Amino acid sequence: MTSSAPRIEATADVDPSAEIGPGSTVWHLAQVREDARIGAECIIGRGAYVGPGVRLGDRVKLQNHALVYEPAVLEDGVFVGPAAVLTNDLYPRSVDPDGKLKRGDDWHARGVTLREGCSIGGRAVLVAGVTVGRWALVAAGAVVHRDVPDHALVAGVPARRIKWVGRAGEPLAPDGPQRWRCPRTGETYTESASGTLTRDA
């Protein structure tokens, strides 16, 4: 892990209470809100938004104009493509039933959780409260409204699993009954009867 100081461009808006880890870069016009925690060697792209209290692990990449609303948690090695949105309100309204402008205490924020190594394609939308599993891949433009299993490739509106992917991000090839192999790394995986995938030891 690098020990270099973070790089924050002059046009970025980083709250003084936010923590930016060593070796991380916050590019032009990005906004990092109060009490956000960004790990080491992260990249926060131009115009990206990181909400209050959001947690990013190490080596996370937020591409340009990605929007990560609180209280999202992104584990190590997560990739979020350009203009992807992680929402936080299941029942969004600007006003309450009396017509008054809603405030922070009028609703309960539900964050998206992105597990280690997963990737979110450009312009994908993740609905409040969903979890994307380890090393999963969400296709560009997908709308994710339910949890995504580890190693699943999901696509569409609403998103559905169409393939399995390995840690290299490439689709896995069949390698026998309930068995899969990564064409790039040679790693093998076993699919359970319940439809989950586990990397072999």
Protein backbone atom coordinates (compact mmCIF):
# COMPACT_ATOMS: atom_id res chain seq x y z
CA MET A 1 0.00 0.00 0.00
CA THR A 2 1.28 3.45 -0.87
CA SER A 3 2.19 5.99 1.79
CA SER A 4 1.87 9.06 -0.44
CA ALA A 5 -0.43 11.91 0.48
CA PRO A 6 -3.78 12.05 -1.31
CA ARG A 7 -4.14 14.28 -4.35
CA ILE A 8 -7.13 16.61 -4.29
CA GLU A 9 -7.69 18.88 -7.28
CA ALA A 10 -8.36 22.54 -6.54
CA THR A 11 -11.88 22.45 -7.99
CA ALA A 12 -12.92 19.42 -5.91
CA ASP A 13 -15.19 20.07 -2.92
CA VAL A 14 -14.01 17.92 0.00
CA ASP A 15 -15.53 18.54 3.41
CA PRO A 16 -12.92 19.08 6.15
CA SER A 17 -14.40 16.19 8.17
CA ALA A 18 -13.99 13.71 5.30
CA GLU A 19 -11.03 11.32 5.39
CA ILE A 20 -9.10 10.62 2.19
CA GLY A 21 -6.64 7.72 2.34
CA PRO A 22 -3.02 7.74 1.18
CA GLY A 23 -2.42 7.56 -2.55
CA SER A 24 -6.04 8.47 -3.39
CA THR A 25 -7.02 11.07 -5.99
CA VAL A 26 -10.11 13.30 -6.00
CA TRP A 27 -10.48 14.79 -9.46
CA HIS A 28 -11.95 18.08 -10.69
CA LEU A 29 -15.45 19.08 -9.57
CA ALA A 30 -15.96 15.94 -7.45
CA GLN A 31 -17.75 16.39 -4.13
CA VAL A 32 -16.96 14.42 -0.99
CA ARG A 33 -19.38 15.22 1.81
CA GLU A 34 -18.98 15.38 5.57
CA ASP A 35 -17.71 12.33 7.47
CA ALA A 36 -17.17 10.31 4.29
CA ARG A 37 -14.29 7.82 4.54
CA ILE A 38 -12.26 7.01 1.44
CA GLY A 39 -9.57 4.34 1.69
CA ALA A 40 -6.10 4.14 0.18
CA GLU A 41 -5.34 4.31 -3.55
CA CYS A 42 -8.89 5.26 -4.56
CA ILE A 43 -9.87 7.31 -7.60
CA ILE A 44 -12.82 9.68 -7.37
CA GLY A 45 -13.53 10.82 -10.94
CA ARG A 46 -14.50 14.20 -12.28
CA GLY A 47 -17.92 15.31 -11.07
CA ALA A 48 -18.45 12.24 -8.87
CA TYR A 49 -20.47 12.58 -5.66
CA VAL A 50 -19.79 10.81 -2.35
CA GLY A 51 -22.53 11.41 0.22
CA PRO A 52 -22.22 12.09 3.96
CA GLY A 53 -20.82 9.15 5.90
CA VAL A 54 -20.29 6.95 2.82
CA ARG A 55 -17.55 4.35 3.30
CA LEU A 56 -15.14 3.36 0.55
CA GLY A 57 -12.51 0.67 1.02
CA ASP A 58 -9.07 0.61 -0.61
CA ARG A 59 -8.46 0.76 -4.38
CA VAL A 60 -12.04 1.78 -5.22
CA LYS A 61 -12.68 3.55 -8.52
CA LEU A 62 -15.61 5.93 -8.99
CA GLN A 63 -15.68 6.99 -12.63
CA ASN A 64 -16.80 10.44 -13.82
CA HIS A 65 -20.19 11.61 -12.53
CA ALA A 66 -20.90 8.48 -10.47
CA LEU A 67 -23.33 9.30 -7.66
CA VAL A 68 -22.97 7.42 -4.36
CA TYR A 69 -25.63 8.41 -1.84
CA GLU A 70 -25.40 7.78 1.88
CA PRO A 71 -25.14 5.47 3.73
CA ALA A 72 -23.56 3.34 0.98
CA VAL A 73 -20.66 1.01 1.77
CA LEU A 74 -18.17 0.04 -0.95
CA GLU A 75 -15.64 -2.63 -0.04
CA ASP A 76 -12.08 -2.99 -1.38
CA GLY A 77 -11.51 -3.11 -5.11
CA VAL A 78 -14.98 -1.95 -6.20
CA PHE A 79 -15.47 -0.27 -9.59
CA VAL A 80 -18.38 2.11 -10.28
CA GLY A 81 -18.76 3.16 -13.91
CA PRO A 82 -19.51 6.63 -15.27
CA ALA A 83 -22.85 8.17 -14.32
CA ALA A 84 -23.93 5.13 -12.30
CA VAL A 85 -26.27 5.94 -9.41
CA LEU A 86 -26.51 4.29 -5.99
CA THR A 87 -29.83 5.51 -4.59
CA ASN A 88 -30.96 5.63 -0.96
CA ASP A 89 -34.73 6.25 -0.84
CA LEU A 90 -37.30 3.53 -1.56
CA TYR A 91 -40.25 5.93 -1.52
CA PRO A 92 -38.92 9.27 -2.82
CA ARG A 93 -41.08 12.36 -2.48
CA SER A 94 -40.21 16.03 -2.45
CA VAL A 95 -43.13 16.84 -0.12
CA ASP A 96 -45.01 15.04 2.63
CA PRO A 97 -48.79 14.32 2.41
CA ASP A 98 -49.47 17.80 3.83
CA GLY A 99 -47.53 19.42 1.01
CA LYS A 100 -44.60 20.49 3.18
CA LEU A 101 -41.07 20.12 1.90
CA LYS A 102 -39.57 16.91 3.24
CA ARG A 103 -36.44 17.19 5.38
CA GLY A 104 -33.78 14.76 6.54
CA ASP A 105 -35.84 13.52 9.49
CA ASP A 106 -38.86 12.72 7.30
CA TRP A 107 -37.42 9.59 5.70
CA HIS A 108 -35.05 6.70 6.34
CA ALA A 109 -31.99 6.44 4.10
CA ARG A 110 -31.11 2.90 2.96
CA GLY A 111 -27.66 2.52 1.50
CA VAL A 112 -26.43 0.23 -1.25
CA THR A 113 -23.67 -2.24 -0.32
CA LEU A 114 -21.04 -3.22 -2.88
CA ARG A 115 -18.94 -6.22 -1.85
CA GLU A 116 -15.27 -6.79 -2.59
CA GLY A 117 -14.18 -6.62 -6.21
CA CYS A 118 -17.60 -6.12 -7.80
CA SER A 119 -18.11 -3.79 -10.78
CA ILE A 120 -21.02 -1.54 -11.72
CA GLY A 121 -21.39 -0.58 -15.39
CA GLY A 122 -21.94 2.94 -16.67
CA ARG A 123 -25.38 4.47 -16.10
CA ALA A 124 -26.57 1.54 -14.03
CA VAL A 125 -29.05 2.35 -11.27
CA LEU A 126 -29.00 0.48 -7.96
CA VAL A 127 -32.16 0.77 -5.88
CA ALA A 128 -31.84 1.67 -2.21
CA GLY A 129 -30.85 -1.18 0.08
CA VAL A 130 -29.56 -3.72 -2.46
CA THR A 131 -26.31 -5.64 -2.03
CA VAL A 132 -24.08 -6.59 -4.96
CA GLY A 133 -22.00 -9.66 -4.14
CA ARG A 134 -18.25 -10.21 -4.32
CA TRP A 135 -16.76 -10.10 -7.81
CA ALA A 136 -20.21 -9.69 -9.39
CA LEU A 137 -20.70 -7.58 -12.51
CA VAL A 138 -23.65 -5.27 -13.21
CA ALA A 139 -23.99 -4.48 -16.91
CA ALA A 140 -24.16 -0.92 -18.22
CA GLY A 141 -27.65 0.57 -18.00
CA ALA A 142 -29.04 -2.14 -15.74
CA VAL A 143 -31.57 -1.38 -13.00
CA VAL A 144 -30.82 -3.49 -9.94
CA HIS A 145 -33.79 -3.85 -7.59
CA ARG A 146 -32.75 -7.00 -5.68
CA ASP A 147 -29.54 -8.45 -4.30
CA VAL A 148 -26.95 -9.80 -6.74
CA PRO A 149 -25.14 -13.04 -5.80
CA ASP A 150 -21.35 -13.36 -5.70
CA HIS A 151 -19.86 -13.78 -9.21
CA ALA A 152 -23.16 -13.09 -11.00
CA LEU A 153 -23.32 -11.08 -14.23
CA VAL A 154 -26.66 -9.26 -14.27
CA ALA A 155 -28.14 -7.17 -17.08
CA GLY A 156 -31.41 -5.58 -18.13
CA VAL A 157 -34.34 -3.68 -16.66
CA PRO A 158 -34.95 -5.12 -14.18
CA ALA A 159 -31.55 -6.80 -13.89
CA ARG A 160 -31.40 -10.61 -14.10
CA ARG A 161 -28.49 -13.00 -13.97
CA ILE A 162 -27.35 -14.00 -17.45
CA LYS A 163 -23.93 -15.54 -16.72
CA TRP A 164 -21.31 -16.14 -14.06
CA VAL A 165 -18.02 -14.19 -13.96
CA GLY A 166 -14.68 -14.84 -12.29
CA ARG A 167 -12.38 -12.51 -10.42
CA ALA A 168 -10.90 -11.34 -13.75
CA GLY A 169 -14.34 -10.09 -14.79
CA GLU A 170 -14.70 -12.40 -17.78
CA PRO A 171 -17.63 -14.80 -18.23
CA LEU A 172 -16.91 -18.30 -16.97
CA ALA A 173 -16.94 -21.29 -19.32
CA PRO A 174 -18.68 -24.59 -18.51
CA ASP A 175 -16.27 -27.20 -17.11
CA GLY A 176 -18.52 -30.15 -16.31
CA PRO A 177 -21.76 -30.54 -14.33
CA GLN A 178 -22.18 -27.57 -11.99
CA ARG A 179 -18.57 -26.61 -12.70
CA TRP A 180 -17.15 -23.47 -14.26
CA ARG A 181 -13.69 -22.27 -15.29
CA CYS A 182 -12.24 -18.81 -15.89
CA PRO A 183 -10.73 -18.71 -19.41
CA ARG A 184 -8.21 -16.10 -18.31
CA THR A 185 -6.90 -17.32 -14.95
CA GLY A 186 -7.85 -21.00 -14.99
CA GLU A 187 -9.61 -20.66 -11.63
CA THR A 188 -12.47 -23.11 -11.17
CA TYR A 189 -15.83 -22.65 -9.51
CA THR A 190 -18.65 -24.87 -8.29
CA GLU A 191 -22.34 -23.98 -8.56
CA SER A 192 -24.52 -25.17 -5.70
CA ALA A 193 -28.01 -26.61 -6.00
CA SER A 194 -29.34 -23.34 -4.57
CA GLY A 195 -27.78 -21.34 -7.41
CA THR A 196 -24.75 -19.81 -5.72
CA LEU A 197 -21.19 -19.95 -7.03
CA THR A 198 -18.07 -20.62 -4.97
CA ARG A 199 -14.45 -20.47 -6.07
CA ASP A 200 -12.64 -23.76 -5.53
CA ALA A 201 -9.74 -23.78 -3.09
